[in-house]
Amino acid sequence: MVKLKEHFGPQFFVRKPHGIESSELAIKLAQASSEMLTPIEKVLDACLDFEPKNYTGKISILVNTFLLELFGPKLILQLRDSFSNATFSDGQVCIDLKSHFTV
């Protein structure tokens, strides 16, 4: 509250006999903040319902060549297991993981 009062001045909170109350400015800012956060909340809510196995889009993978040689097979197996319906790209070619690295 100290930071808010420093930034917005004494008009941000109004002192009352029983404590302090939000000023009209504070109430308007709270409403505006809520309206600005609504689109972000919608995106985050959509992510909560995300099921990797149902994802059918394309996933691009950009990995250092050295790391790809070291971790590539394990990475591809994990991705294929988690995103079994997705198409993967290493930035140069498209990879259908259903036909690679069969277990």
Protein backbone atom coordinates (compact mmCIF):
# COMPACT_ATOMS: atom_id res chain seq x y z
CA MET A 1 0.00 0.00 0.00
CA VAL A 2 2.91 2.32 0.68
CA LYS A 3 4.13 1.93 -2.92
CA LEU A 4 0.66 2.65 -4.30
CA LYS A 5 0.34 5.74 -2.13
CA GLU A 6 3.82 6.92 -3.18
CA HIS A 7 3.00 6.48 -6.86
CA PHE A 8 -0.58 7.77 -6.95
CA GLY A 9 -0.44 10.19 -4.02
CA PRO A 10 -2.89 10.68 -1.20
CA GLN A 11 -5.91 10.60 -3.54
CA PHE A 12 -5.56 6.84 -4.01
CA PHE A 13 -6.90 5.91 -0.56
CA VAL A 14 -9.34 7.91 1.53
CA ARG A 15 -8.98 7.90 5.32
CA LYS A 16 -12.24 7.17 7.13
CA PRO A 17 -13.00 6.88 10.88
CA HIS A 18 -12.96 3.07 10.61
CA GLY A 19 -9.78 2.88 8.46
CA ILE A 20 -9.13 3.62 4.79
CA GLU A 21 -11.23 3.09 1.69
CA SER A 22 -10.37 3.01 -1.98
CA SER A 23 -10.82 6.29 -3.81
CA GLU A 24 -12.71 6.60 -7.07
CA LEU A 25 -9.35 6.45 -8.88
CA ALA A 26 -8.42 3.20 -7.12
CA ILE A 27 -11.78 1.64 -7.99
CA LYS A 28 -11.46 2.65 -11.67
CA LEU A 29 -7.91 1.27 -11.85
CA ALA A 30 -9.05 -2.00 -10.28
CA GLN A 31 -11.84 -2.33 -12.84
CA ALA A 32 -9.49 -1.51 -15.72
CA SER A 33 -6.93 -4.03 -14.43
CA SER A 34 -9.58 -6.71 -14.26
CA GLU A 35 -10.66 -5.98 -17.85
CA MET A 36 -7.04 -6.12 -19.06
CA LEU A 37 -6.44 -9.48 -17.38
CA THR A 38 -9.54 -11.18 -18.83
CA PRO A 39 -7.89 -12.16 -22.17
CA ILE A 40 -4.86 -13.53 -20.31
CA GLU A 41 -7.11 -15.55 -17.99
CA LYS A 42 -8.90 -17.05 -21.01
CA VAL A 43 -5.59 -18.19 -22.51
CA LEU A 44 -4.44 -19.69 -19.22
CA ASP A 45 -7.78 -21.44 -18.73
CA ALA A 46 -7.48 -22.95 -22.20
CA CYS A 47 -4.03 -24.29 -21.29
CA LEU A 48 -5.46 -26.08 -18.26
CA ASP A 49 -7.63 -28.17 -20.59
CA PHE A 50 -4.70 -29.00 -22.88
CA GLU A 51 -4.20 -32.69 -23.63
CA PRO A 52 -0.89 -33.39 -25.43
CA LYS A 53 -2.18 -36.62 -26.96
CA ASN A 54 -5.04 -34.72 -28.65
CA TYR A 55 -2.74 -32.09 -30.18
CA THR A 56 -2.63 -32.49 -33.97
CA GLY A 57 -0.61 -29.40 -34.88
CA LYS A 58 3.01 -28.95 -35.82
CA ILE A 59 5.78 -28.65 -33.23
CA SER A 60 9.09 -27.13 -34.31
CA ILE A 61 12.22 -28.34 -32.59
CA LEU A 62 15.42 -26.33 -32.79
CA VAL A 63 18.28 -28.11 -31.06
CA ASN A 64 22.05 -27.71 -31.16
CA THR A 65 23.53 -30.47 -33.36
CA PHE A 66 25.73 -31.76 -30.54
CA LEU A 67 22.76 -31.96 -28.16
CA LEU A 68 20.62 -33.57 -30.85
CA GLU A 69 23.21 -36.32 -31.27
CA LEU A 70 23.34 -36.86 -27.51
CA PHE A 71 19.67 -36.58 -26.61
CA GLY A 72 17.87 -36.89 -29.96
CA PRO A 73 16.62 -40.48 -29.77
CA LYS A 74 15.36 -40.12 -26.20
CA LEU A 75 13.82 -36.73 -26.98
CA ILE A 76 11.98 -38.08 -30.01
CA LEU A 77 10.67 -41.07 -28.06
CA GLN A 78 9.38 -38.80 -25.30
CA LEU A 79 7.78 -36.41 -27.76
CA ARG A 80 6.18 -39.23 -29.73
CA ASP A 81 4.75 -40.66 -26.54
CA SER A 82 3.44 -37.33 -25.24
CA PHE A 83 2.29 -35.81 -28.57
CA SER A 84 1.36 -38.93 -30.51
CA ASN A 85 -0.81 -37.07 -33.05
CA ALA A 86 1.49 -34.10 -33.70
CA THR A 87 3.86 -33.48 -36.59
CA PHE A 88 7.38 -32.44 -35.64
CA SER A 89 9.87 -30.30 -37.50
CA ASP A 90 13.54 -29.81 -36.75
CA GLY A 91 13.53 -26.48 -38.57
CA GLN A 92 14.58 -28.02 -41.88
CA VAL A 93 12.45 -31.09 -42.52
CA CYS A 94 9.11 -32.30 -41.26
CA ILE A 95 9.27 -35.49 -39.19
CA ASP A 96 6.41 -37.92 -38.78
CA LEU A 97 7.26 -39.44 -35.40
CA LYS A 98 4.89 -42.35 -35.92
CA SER A 99 7.39 -43.81 -38.40
CA HIS A 100 10.56 -43.07 -36.39
CA PHE A 101 12.12 -44.86 -33.45
CA THR A 102 9.62 -47.65 -32.96
CA VAL A 103 9.66 -49.11 -29.48
